[in-house]
Amino acid sequence: MTDSKTPADTGETLPGPDTGDWPETADVTHDVPDWLIPSRVYDVLKWLGLIVLPALAVFVNTVGPAWGWPHVDAIVTTLNALGILAGALIGVSAIKQRLDRAA
């Protein structure tokens, strides 16, 4: 037995909001996925990173100078960087999922 007193031992309550008037809540369990991003976000990022952004970069690089668009090189570089970012995000998620499955 110890000399220290805890609220459970003395009947004291800890300071905080009075929850006695709050409605009862249902027991809800949240299943957290084993990977970093949900599958729908993964599919969208994969579609953007592998198809849309590279195709858009080629389109802007081809059509932009013909139409006299300003800053075509900067736009193409930005689109390619976004594609690489999307690829990195889905790659990290895929690696995390494989490591979780292996464990």
PDB file of N, CA and C in Angstrom:
ATOM      1  N   MET A   1       0.849  -1.166   0.000  1.00  0.00           N
ATOM      2  CA  MET A   1       0.000   0.000   0.000  1.00  0.00           C
ATOM      3  C   MET A   1       0.895   1.228   0.000  1.00  0.00           C
ATOM      4  N   THR A   2       0.490   2.254  -0.755  1.00  0.00           N
ATOM      5  CA  THR A   2       1.285   3.473  -0.834  1.00  0.00           C
ATOM      6  C   THR A   2       0.579   4.588  -0.098  1.00  0.00           C
ATOM      7  N   ASP A   3       1.352   5.624   0.261  1.00  0.00           N
ATOM      8  CA  ASP A   3       0.788   6.766   0.969  1.00  0.00           C
ATOM      9  C   ASP A   3       0.132   7.770   0.022  1.00  0.00           C
ATOM     10  N   SER A   4       0.428   7.704  -1.277  1.00  0.00           N
ATOM     11  CA  SER A   4      -0.144   8.675  -2.209  1.00  0.00           C
ATOM     12  C   SER A   4      -1.614   8.368  -2.432  1.00  0.00           C
ATOM     13  N   LYS A   5      -2.392   9.423  -2.557  1.00  0.00           N
ATOM     14  CA  LYS A   5      -3.826   9.266  -2.766  1.00  0.00           C
ATOM     15  C   LYS A   5      -4.152   9.595  -4.211  1.00  0.00           C
ATOM     16  N   THR A   6      -4.958   8.790  -4.830  1.00  0.00           N
ATOM     17  CA  THR A   6      -5.430   9.047  -6.184  1.00  0.00           C
ATOM     18  C   THR A   6      -6.911   9.372  -6.102  1.00  0.00           C
ATOM     19  N   PRO A   7      -7.482  10.020  -7.127  1.00  0.00           N
ATOM     20  CA  PRO A   7      -8.913  10.318  -7.087  1.00  0.00           C
ATOM     21  C   PRO A   7      -9.771   9.076  -6.900  1.00  0.00           C
ATOM     22  N   ALA A   8      -9.326   7.933  -7.398  1.00  0.00           N
ATOM     23  CA  ALA A   8     -10.104   6.705  -7.246  1.00  0.00           C
ATOM     24  C   ALA A   8     -10.143   6.275  -5.776  1.00  0.00           C
ATOM     25  N   ASP A   9      -9.054   6.534  -5.050  1.00  0.00           N
ATOM     26  CA  ASP A   9      -8.993   6.131  -3.657  1.00  0.00           C
ATOM     27  C   ASP A   9      -9.817   7.053  -2.770  1.00  0.00           C
ATOM     28  N   THR A  10      -9.881   8.340  -3.080  1.00  0.00           N
ATOM     29  CA  THR A  10     -10.506   9.313  -2.191  1.00  0.00           C
ATOM     30  C   THR A  10     -11.909   9.701  -2.617  1.00  0.00           C
ATOM     31  N   GLY A  11     -12.334   9.305  -3.812  1.00  0.00           N
ATOM     32  CA  GLY A  11     -13.640   9.696  -4.288  1.00  0.00           C
ATOM     33  C   GLY A  11     -13.645  11.067  -4.936  1.00  0.00           C
ATOM     34  N   GLU A  12     -12.480  11.712  -5.047  1.00  0.00           N
ATOM     35  CA  GLU A  12     -12.385  13.021  -5.677  1.00  0.00           C
ATOM     36  C   GLU A  12     -12.584  12.887  -7.180  1.00  0.00           C
ATOM     37  N   THR A  13     -13.048  13.961  -7.805  1.00  0.00           N
ATOM     38  CA  THR A  13     -13.161  13.968  -9.261  1.00  0.00           C
ATOM     39  C   THR A  13     -12.141  14.920  -9.841  1.00  0.00           C
ATOM     40  N   LEU A  14     -11.672  14.601 -10.992  1.00  0.00           N
ATOM     41  CA  LEU A  14     -10.708  15.448 -11.672  1.00  0.00           C
ATOM     42  C   LEU A  14     -11.427  16.644 -12.272  1.00  0.00           C
ATOM     43  N   PRO A  15     -10.751  17.792 -12.353  1.00  0.00           N
ATOM     44  CA  PRO A  15     -11.391  18.953 -12.966  1.00  0.00           C
ATOM     45  C   PRO A  15     -11.629  18.720 -14.454  1.00  0.00           C
ATOM     46  N   GLY A  16     -12.693  19.285 -14.962  1.00  0.00           N
ATOM     47  CA  GLY A  16     -13.024  19.143 -16.370  1.00  0.00           C
ATOM     48  C   GLY A  16     -14.501  19.385 -16.578  1.00  0.00           C
ATOM     49  N   PRO A  17     -14.969  19.217 -17.801  1.00  0.00           N
ATOM     50  CA  PRO A  17     -16.387  19.460 -18.075  1.00  0.00           C
ATOM     51  C   PRO A  17     -17.267  18.414 -17.409  1.00  0.00           C
ATOM     52  N   ASP A  18     -18.461  18.828 -17.053  1.00  0.00           N
ATOM     53  CA  ASP A  18     -19.437  17.914 -16.472  1.00  0.00           C
ATOM     54  C   ASP A  18     -20.077  17.134 -17.608  1.00  0.00           C
ATOM     55  N   THR A  19     -19.827  15.858 -17.664  1.00  0.00           N
ATOM     56  CA  THR A  19     -20.342  15.028 -18.754  1.00  0.00           C
ATOM     57  C   THR A  19     -21.629  14.316 -18.391  1.00  0.00           C
ATOM     58  N   GLY A  20     -22.180  14.612 -17.236  1.00  0.00           N
ATOM     59  CA  GLY A  20     -23.396  13.948 -16.797  1.00  0.00           C
ATOM     60  C   GLY A  20     -24.598  14.240 -17.676  1.00  0.00           C
ATOM     61  N   ASP A  21     -24.622  15.424 -18.299  1.00  0.00           N
ATOM     62  CA  ASP A  21     -25.762  15.802 -19.139  1.00  0.00           C
ATOM     63  C   ASP A  21     -25.575  15.403 -20.601  1.00  0.00           C
ATOM     64  N   TRP A  22     -24.440  14.851 -20.944  1.00  0.00           N
ATOM     65  CA  TRP A  22     -24.180  14.491 -22.342  1.00  0.00           C
ATOM     66  C   TRP A  22     -24.995  13.255 -22.712  1.00  0.00           C
ATOM     67  N   PRO A  23     -25.464  13.184 -23.963  1.00  0.00           N
ATOM     68  CA  PRO A  23     -26.223  12.004 -24.374  1.00  0.00           C
ATOM     69  C   PRO A  23     -25.322  10.776 -24.477  1.00  0.00           C
ATOM     70  N   GLU A  24     -25.939   9.636 -24.329  1.00  0.00           N
ATOM     71  CA  GLU A  24     -25.209   8.379 -24.476  1.00  0.00           C
ATOM     72  C   GLU A  24     -24.739   8.249 -25.924  1.00  0.00           C
ATOM     73  N   THR A  25     -23.556   7.722 -26.114  1.00  0.00           N
ATOM     74  CA  THR A  25     -23.045   7.511 -27.469  1.00  0.00           C
ATOM     75  C   THR A  25     -22.935   6.026 -27.734  1.00  0.00           C
ATOM     76  N   ALA A  26     -23.103   5.690 -28.997  1.00  0.00           N
ATOM     77  CA  ALA A  26     -22.979   4.289 -29.384  1.00  0.00           C
ATOM     78  C   ALA A  26     -21.503   3.912 -29.407  1.00  0.00           C
ATOM     79  N   ASP A  27     -21.236   2.654 -29.140  1.00  0.00           N
ATOM     80  CA  ASP A  27     -19.856   2.182 -29.242  1.00  0.00           C
ATOM     81  C   ASP A  27     -19.479   2.109 -30.711  1.00  0.00           C
ATOM     82  N   VAL A  28     -18.551   2.945 -31.093  1.00  0.00           N
ATOM     83  CA  VAL A  28     -18.115   3.000 -32.480  1.00  0.00           C
ATOM     84  C   VAL A  28     -16.646   2.656 -32.522  1.00  0.00           C
ATOM     85  N   THR A  29     -16.303   1.724 -33.356  1.00  0.00           N
ATOM     86  CA  THR A  29     -14.894   1.402 -33.548  1.00  0.00           C
ATOM     87  C   THR A  29     -14.498   1.869 -34.930  1.00  0.00           C
ATOM     88  N   HIS A  30     -13.385   2.511 -35.001  1.00  0.00           N
ATOM     89  CA  HIS A  30     -12.881   3.010 -36.279  1.00  0.00           C
ATOM     90  C   HIS A  30     -11.727   2.121 -36.720  1.00  0.00           C
ATOM     91  N   ASP A  31     -11.908   1.506 -37.859  1.00  0.00           N
ATOM     92  CA  ASP A  31     -10.838   0.693 -38.402  1.00  0.00           C
ATOM     93  C   ASP A  31      -9.890   1.586 -39.191  1.00  0.00           C
ATOM     94  N   VAL A  32      -8.668   1.653 -38.761  1.00  0.00           N
ATOM     95  CA  VAL A  32      -7.666   2.447 -39.447  1.00  0.00           C
ATOM     96  C   VAL A  32      -7.008   1.551 -40.487  1.00  0.00           C
ATOM     97  N   PRO A  33      -6.936   2.019 -41.740  1.00  0.00           N
ATOM     98  CA  PRO A  33      -6.316   1.175 -42.762  1.00  0.00           C
ATOM     99  C   PRO A  33      -4.836   0.977 -42.488  1.00  0.00           C
ATOM    100  N   ASP A  34      -4.289  -0.092 -43.044  1.00  0.00           N
ATOM    101  CA  ASP A  34      -2.892  -0.432 -42.831  1.00  0.00           C
ATOM    102  C   ASP A  34      -1.950   0.421 -43.673  1.00  0.00           C
ATOM    103  N   TRP A  35      -2.472   1.179 -44.587  1.00  0.00           N
ATOM    104  CA  TRP A  35      -1.626   2.007 -45.419  1.00  0.00           C
ATOM    105  C   TRP A  35      -1.861   3.475 -45.098  1.00  0.00           C
ATOM    106  N   LEU A  36      -1.088   4.350 -45.709  1.00  0.00           N
ATOM    107  CA  LEU A  36      -1.136   5.766 -45.356  1.00  0.00           C
ATOM    108  C   LEU A  36      -2.310   6.506 -45.965  1.00  0.00           C
ATOM    109  N   ILE A  37      -2.709   6.149 -47.178  1.00  0.00           N
ATOM    110  CA  ILE A  37      -3.800   6.856 -47.841  1.00  0.00           C
ATOM    111  C   ILE A  37      -4.881   5.868 -48.232  1.00  0.00           C
ATOM    112  N   PRO A  38      -6.141   6.282 -48.203  1.00  0.00           N
ATOM    113  CA  PRO A  38      -7.241   5.383 -48.576  1.00  0.00           C
ATOM    114  C   PRO A  38      -7.135   4.941 -50.042  1.00  0.00           C
ATOM    115  N   SER A  39      -7.761   3.847 -50.371  1.00  0.00           N
ATOM    116  CA  SER A  39      -7.624   3.272 -51.707  1.00  0.00           C
ATOM    117  C   SER A  39      -8.160   4.192 -52.797  1.00  0.00           C
ATOM    118  N   ARG A  40      -9.216   4.939 -52.516  1.00  0.00           N
ATOM    119  CA  ARG A  40      -9.765   5.862 -53.528  1.00  0.00           C
ATOM    120  C   ARG A  40      -8.772   6.985 -53.833  1.00  0.00           C
ATOM    121  N   VAL A  41      -8.154   7.541 -52.794  1.00  0.00           N
ATOM    122  CA  VAL A  41      -7.150   8.585 -52.987  1.00  0.00           C
ATOM    123  C   VAL A  41      -5.948   8.008 -53.725  1.00  0.00           C
ATOM    124  N   TYR A  42      -5.571   6.793 -53.381  1.00  0.00           N
ATOM    125  CA  TYR A  42      -4.468   6.108 -54.063  1.00  0.00           C
ATOM    126  C   TYR A  42      -4.764   5.980 -55.552  1.00  0.00           C
ATOM    127  N   ASP A  43      -5.982   5.556 -55.888  1.00  0.00           N
ATOM    128  CA  ASP A  43      -6.349   5.396 -57.299  1.00  0.00           C
ATOM    129  C   ASP A  43      -6.323   6.721 -58.046  1.00  0.00           C
ATOM    130  N   VAL A  44      -6.812   7.780 -57.415  1.00  0.00           N
ATOM    131  CA  VAL A  44      -6.813   9.100 -58.059  1.00  0.00           C
ATOM    132  C   VAL A  44      -5.393   9.605 -58.249  1.00  0.00           C
ATOM    133  N   LEU A  45      -4.548   9.477 -57.214  1.00  0.00           N
ATOM    134  CA  LEU A  45      -3.159   9.918 -57.339  1.00  0.00           C
ATOM    135  C   LEU A  45      -2.416   9.122 -58.398  1.00  0.00           C
ATOM    136  N   LYS A  46      -2.689   7.833 -58.466  1.00  0.00           N
ATOM    137  CA  LYS A  46      -2.041   6.985 -59.474  1.00  0.00           C
ATOM    138  C   LYS A  46      -2.458   7.422 -60.869  1.00  0.00           C
ATOM    139  N   TRP A  47      -3.748   7.692 -61.059  1.00  0.00           N
ATOM    140  CA  TRP A  47      -4.259   8.147 -62.354  1.00  0.00           C
ATOM    141  C   TRP A  47      -3.636   9.488 -62.725  1.00  0.00           C
ATOM    142  N   LEU A  48      -3.562  10.404 -61.752  1.00  0.00           N
ATOM    143  CA  LEU A  48      -2.967  11.712 -62.013  1.00  0.00           C
ATOM    144  C   LEU A  48      -1.476  11.602 -62.312  1.00  0.00           C
ATOM    145  N   GLY A  49      -0.769  10.853 -61.490  1.00  0.00           N
ATOM    146  CA  GLY A  49       0.687  10.765 -61.612  1.00  0.00           C
ATOM    147  C   GLY A  49       1.169   9.992 -62.816  1.00  0.00           C
ATOM    148  N   LEU A  50       0.410   8.975 -63.231  1.00  0.00           N
ATOM    149  CA  LEU A  50       0.866   8.128 -64.329  1.00  0.00           C
ATOM    150  C   LEU A  50       0.272   8.485 -65.680  1.00  0.00           C
ATOM    151  N   ILE A  51      -0.876   9.157 -65.697  1.00  0.00           N
ATOM    152  CA  ILE A  51      -1.536   9.424 -66.977  1.00  0.00           C
ATOM    153  C   ILE A  51      -1.761  10.917 -67.203  1.00  0.00           C
ATOM    154  N   VAL A  52      -2.498  11.560 -66.320  1.00  0.00           N
ATOM    155  CA  VAL A  52      -2.974  12.923 -66.570  1.00  0.00           C
ATOM    156  C   VAL A  52      -1.837  13.943 -66.605  1.00  0.00           C
ATOM    157  N   LEU A  53      -1.044  14.015 -65.549  1.00  0.00           N
ATOM    158  CA  LEU A  53      -0.020  15.060 -65.472  1.00  0.00           C
ATOM    159  C   LEU A  53       1.068  14.907 -66.550  1.00  0.00           C
ATOM    160  N   PRO A  54       1.583  13.715 -66.817  1.00  0.00           N
ATOM    161  CA  PRO A  54       2.553  13.607 -67.917  1.00  0.00           C
ATOM    162  C   PRO A  54       1.936  13.958 -69.276  1.00  0.00           C
ATOM    163  N   ALA A  55       0.703  13.530 -69.513  1.00  0.00           N
ATOM    164  CA  ALA A  55       0.045  13.856 -70.786  1.00  0.00           C
ATOM    165  C   ALA A  55      -0.191  15.356 -70.901  1.00  0.00           C
ATOM    166  N   LEU A  56      -0.599  15.975 -69.814  1.00  0.00           N
ATOM    167  CA  LEU A  56      -0.815  17.415 -69.825  1.00  0.00           C
ATOM    168  C   LEU A  56       0.498  18.172 -70.038  1.00  0.00           C
ATOM    169  N   ALA A  57       1.583  17.696 -69.442  1.00  0.00           N
ATOM    170  CA  ALA A  57       2.894  18.329 -69.636  1.00  0.00           C
ATOM    171  C   ALA A  57       3.324  18.254 -71.097  1.00  0.00           C
ATOM    172  N   VAL A  58       3.141  17.106 -71.731  1.00  0.00           N
ATOM    173  CA  VAL A  58       3.487  16.969 -73.148  1.00  0.00           C
ATOM    174  C   VAL A  58       2.596  17.870 -74.000  1.00  0.00           C
ATOM    175  N   PHE A  59       1.316  17.932 -73.678  1.00  0.00           N
ATOM    176  CA  PHE A  59       0.392  18.787 -74.420  1.00  0.00           C
ATOM    177  C   PHE A  59       0.801  20.253 -74.329  1.00  0.00           C
ATOM    178  N   VAL A  60       1.079  20.724 -73.118  1.00  0.00           N
ATOM    179  CA  VAL A  60       1.467  22.127 -72.934  1.00  0.00           C
ATOM    180  C   VAL A  60       2.795  22.411 -73.627  1.00  0.00           C
ATOM    181  N   ASN A  61       3.731  21.468 -73.547  1.00  0.00           N
ATOM    182  CA  ASN A  61       5.034  21.642 -74.184  1.00  0.00           C
ATOM    183  C   ASN A  61       4.920  21.673 -75.708  1.00  0.00           C
ATOM    184  N   THR A  62       3.941  20.974 -76.258  1.00  0.00           N
ATOM    185  CA  THR A  62       3.753  20.931 -77.706  1.00  0.00           C
ATOM    186  C   THR A  62       2.924  22.105 -78.205  1.00  0.00           C
ATOM    187  N   VAL A  63       1.818  22.374 -77.569  1.00  0.00           N
ATOM    188  CA  VAL A  63       0.864  23.374 -78.059  1.00  0.00           C
ATOM    189  C   VAL A  63       1.206  24.781 -77.568  1.00  0.00           C
ATOM    190  N   GLY A  64       1.781  24.891 -76.382  1.00  0.00           N
ATOM    191  CA  GLY A  64       2.057  26.199 -75.794  1.00  0.00           C
ATOM    192  C   GLY A  64       2.860  27.138 -76.678  1.00  0.00           C
ATOM    193  N   PRO A  65       4.012  26.700 -77.178  1.00  0.00           N
ATOM    194  CA  PRO A  65       4.781  27.610 -78.036  1.00  0.00           C
ATOM    195  C   PRO A  65       4.055  27.968 -79.336  1.00  0.00           C
ATOM    196  N   ALA A  66       3.281  27.042 -79.880  1.00  0.00           N
ATOM    197  CA  ALA A  66       2.561  27.319 -81.122  1.00  0.00           C
ATOM    198  C   ALA A  66       1.523  28.415 -80.924  1.00  0.00           C
ATOM    199  N   TRP A  67       0.961  28.497 -79.728  1.00  0.00           N
ATOM    200  CA  TRP A  67      -0.054  29.503 -79.433  1.00  0.00           C
ATOM    201  C   TRP A  67       0.530  30.720 -78.719  1.00  0.00           C
ATOM    202  N   GLY A  68       1.800  30.731 -78.491  1.00  0.00           N
ATOM    203  CA  GLY A  68       2.441  31.868 -77.857  1.00  0.00           C
ATOM    204  C   GLY A  68       2.172  32.002 -76.370  1.00  0.00           C
ATOM    205  N   TRP A  69       1.920  30.879 -75.706  1.00  0.00           N
ATOM    206  CA  TRP A  69       1.672  30.916 -74.267  1.00  0.00           C
ATOM    207  C   TRP A  69       2.952  31.324 -73.533  1.00  0.00           C
ATOM    208  N   PRO A  70       2.843  32.188 -72.536  1.00  0.00           N
ATOM    209  CA  PRO A  70       4.037  32.580 -71.783  1.00  0.00           C
ATOM    210  C   PRO A  70       4.418  31.512 -70.754  1.00  0.00           C
ATOM    211  N   HIS A  71       5.678  31.435 -70.439  1.00  0.00           N
ATOM    212  CA  HIS A  71       6.209  30.585 -69.360  1.00  0.00           C
ATOM    213  C   HIS A  71       5.908  29.097 -69.570  1.00  0.00           C
ATOM    214  N   VAL A  72       5.986  28.641 -70.800  1.00  0.00           N
ATOM    215  CA  VAL A  72       5.679  27.228 -71.087  1.00  0.00           C
ATOM    216  C   VAL A  72       6.647  26.307 -70.354  1.00  0.00           C
ATOM    217  N   ASP A  73       7.922  26.643 -70.339  1.00  0.00           N
ATOM    218  CA  ASP A  73       8.897  25.781 -69.662  1.00  0.00           C
ATOM    219  C   ASP A  73       8.608  25.660 -68.165  1.00  0.00           C
ATOM    220  N   ALA A  74       8.235  26.757 -67.539  1.00  0.00           N
ATOM    221  CA  ALA A  74       7.921  26.715 -66.107  1.00  0.00           C
ATOM    222  C   ALA A  74       6.663  25.888 -65.842  1.00  0.00           C
ATOM    223  N   ILE A  75       5.682  26.000 -66.719  1.00  0.00           N
ATOM    224  CA  ILE A  75       4.441  25.233 -66.557  1.00  0.00           C
ATOM    225  C   ILE A  75       4.722  23.744 -66.707  1.00  0.00           C
ATOM    226  N   VAL A  76       5.517  23.384 -67.717  1.00  0.00           N
ATOM    227  CA  VAL A  76       5.843  21.969 -67.948  1.00  0.00           C
ATOM    228  C   VAL A  76       6.648  21.409 -66.782  1.00  0.00           C
ATOM    229  N   THR A  77       7.597  22.184 -66.287  1.00  0.00           N
ATOM    230  CA  THR A  77       8.380  21.740 -65.135  1.00  0.00           C
ATOM    231  C   THR A  77       7.486  21.530 -63.916  1.00  0.00           C
ATOM    232  N   THR A  78       6.550  22.413 -63.690  1.00  0.00           N
ATOM    233  CA  THR A  78       5.628  22.291 -62.558  1.00  0.00           C
ATOM    234  C   THR A  78       4.741  21.059 -62.707  1.00  0.00           C
ATOM    235  N   LEU A  79       4.214  20.826 -63.904  1.00  0.00           N
ATOM    236  CA  LEU A  79       3.372  19.640 -64.128  1.00  0.00           C
ATOM    237  C   LEU A  79       4.166  18.348 -63.898  1.00  0.00           C
ATOM    238  N   ASN A  80       5.403  18.319 -64.380  1.00  0.00           N
ATOM    239  CA  ASN A  80       6.236  17.130 -64.161  1.00  0.00           C
ATOM    240  C   ASN A  80       6.566  16.939 -62.687  1.00  0.00           C
ATOM    241  N   ALA A  81       6.815  18.036 -61.977  1.00  0.00           N
ATOM    242  CA  ALA A  81       7.090  17.940 -60.538  1.00  0.00           C
ATOM    243  C   ALA A  81       5.868  17.426 -59.778  1.00  0.00           C
ATOM    244  N   LEU A  82       4.675  17.873 -60.177  1.00  0.00           N
ATOM    245  CA  LEU A  82       3.451  17.368 -59.544  1.00  0.00           C
ATOM    246  C   LEU A  82       3.264  15.878 -59.814  1.00  0.00           C
ATOM    247  N   GLY A  83       3.591  15.445 -61.020  1.00  0.00           N
ATOM    248  CA  GLY A  83       3.513  14.013 -61.337  1.00  0.00           C
ATOM    249  C   GLY A  83       4.463  13.194 -60.492  1.00  0.00           C
ATOM    250  N   ILE A  84       5.669  13.709 -60.286  1.00  0.00           N
ATOM    251  CA  ILE A  84       6.643  13.006 -59.442  1.00  0.00           C
ATOM    252  C   ILE A  84       6.177  12.986 -57.987  1.00  0.00           C
ATOM    253  N   LEU A  85       5.597  14.086 -57.531  1.00  0.00           N
ATOM    254  CA  LEU A  85       5.060  14.124 -56.162  1.00  0.00           C
ATOM    255  C   LEU A  85       3.957  13.082 -55.979  1.00  0.00           C
ATOM    256  N   ALA A  86       3.048  12.997 -56.930  1.00  0.00           N
ATOM    257  CA  ALA A  86       1.973  11.995 -56.845  1.00  0.00           C
ATOM    258  C   ALA A  86       2.558  10.590 -56.848  1.00  0.00           C
ATOM    259  N   GLY A  87       3.548  10.359 -57.691  1.00  0.00           N
ATOM    260  CA  GLY A  87       4.202   9.055 -57.722  1.00  0.00           C
ATOM    261  C   GLY A  87       4.896   8.724 -56.417  1.00  0.00           C
ATOM    262  N   ALA A  88       5.536   9.709 -55.804  1.00  0.00           N
ATOM    263  CA  ALA A  88       6.200   9.482 -54.519  1.00  0.00           C
ATOM    264  C   ALA A  88       5.183   9.156 -53.429  1.00  0.00           C
ATOM    265  N   LEU A  89       4.053   9.854 -53.424  1.00  0.00           N
ATOM    266  CA  LEU A  89       3.021   9.590 -52.416  1.00  0.00           C
ATOM    267  C   LEU A  89       2.452   8.182 -52.543  1.00  0.00           C
ATOM    268  N   ILE A  90       2.171   7.755 -53.774  1.00  0.00           N
ATOM    269  CA  ILE A  90       1.625   6.406 -53.921  1.00  0.00           C
ATOM    270  C   ILE A  90       2.698   5.353 -53.691  1.00  0.00           C
ATOM    271  N   GLY A  91       3.953   5.692 -53.982  1.00  0.00           N
ATOM    272  CA  GLY A  91       5.042   4.751 -53.707  1.00  0.00           C
ATOM    273  C   GLY A  91       5.242   4.533 -52.225  1.00  0.00           C
ATOM    274  N   VAL A  92       5.205   5.602 -51.440  1.00  0.00           N
ATOM    275  CA  VAL A  92       5.340   5.482 -49.984  1.00  0.00           C
ATOM    276  C   VAL A  92       4.186   4.674 -49.416  1.00  0.00           C
ATOM    277  N   SER A  93       2.984   4.918 -49.918  1.00  0.00           N
ATOM    278  CA  SER A  93       1.826   4.180 -49.434  1.00  0.00           C
ATOM    279  C   SER A  93       1.937   2.695 -49.769  1.00  0.00           C
ATOM    280  N   ALA A  94       2.403   2.389 -50.977  1.00  0.00           N
ATOM    281  CA  ALA A  94       2.540   0.987 -51.390  1.00  0.00           C
ATOM    282  C   ALA A  94       3.596   0.270 -50.546  1.00  0.00           C
ATOM    283  N   ILE A  95       4.706   0.937 -50.268  1.00  0.00           N
ATOM    284  CA  ILE A  95       5.750   0.341 -49.434  1.00  0.00           C
ATOM    285  C   ILE A  95       5.229   0.111 -48.024  1.00  0.00           C
ATOM    286  N   LYS A  96       4.510   1.087 -47.472  1.00  0.00           N
ATOM    287  CA  LYS A  96       3.954   0.961 -46.122  1.00  0.00           C
ATOM    288  C   LYS A  96       2.979  -0.207 -46.061  1.00  0.00           C
ATOM    289  N   GLN A  97       2.156  -0.359 -47.102  1.00  0.00           N
ATOM    290  CA  GLN A  97       1.195  -1.457 -47.124  1.00  0.00           C
ATOM    291  C   GLN A  97       1.915  -2.807 -47.168  1.00  0.00           C
ATOM    292  N   ARG A  98       2.963  -2.915 -47.974  1.00  0.00           N
ATOM    293  CA  ARG A  98       3.711  -4.177 -48.056  1.00  0.00           C
ATOM    294  C   ARG A  98       4.391  -4.512 -46.747  1.00  0.00           C
ATOM    295  N   LEU A  99       4.956  -3.499 -46.083  1.00  0.00           N
ATOM    296  CA  LEU A  99       5.603  -3.741 -44.798  1.00  0.00           C
ATOM    297  C   LEU A  99       4.602  -4.172 -43.744  1.00  0.00           C
ATOM    298  N   ASP A 100       3.419  -3.582 -43.755  1.00  0.00           N
ATOM    299  CA  ASP A 100       2.384  -3.967 -42.795  1.00  0.00           C
ATOM    300  C   ASP A 100       1.886  -5.376 -43.038  1.00  0.00           C
ATOM    301  N   ARG A 101       1.782  -5.772 -44.301  1.00  0.00           N
ATOM    302  CA  ARG A 101       1.341  -7.126 -44.617  1.00  0.00           C
ATOM    303  C   ARG A 101       2.383  -8.160 -44.232  1.00  0.00           C
ATOM    304  N   ALA A 102       3.678  -7.790 -44.354  1.00  0.00           N
ATOM    305  CA  ALA A 102       4.751  -8.714 -44.038  1.00  0.00           C
ATOM    306  C   ALA A 102       4.885  -8.930 -42.528  1.00  0.00           C
ATOM    307  N   ALA A 103       4.469  -7.947 -41.755  1.00  0.00           N
ATOM    308  CA  ALA A 103       4.624  -8.031 -40.295  1.00  0.00           C
ATOM    309  C   ALA A 103       3.623  -8.952 -39.664  1.00  0.00           C
TER     310      ALA A 103
END
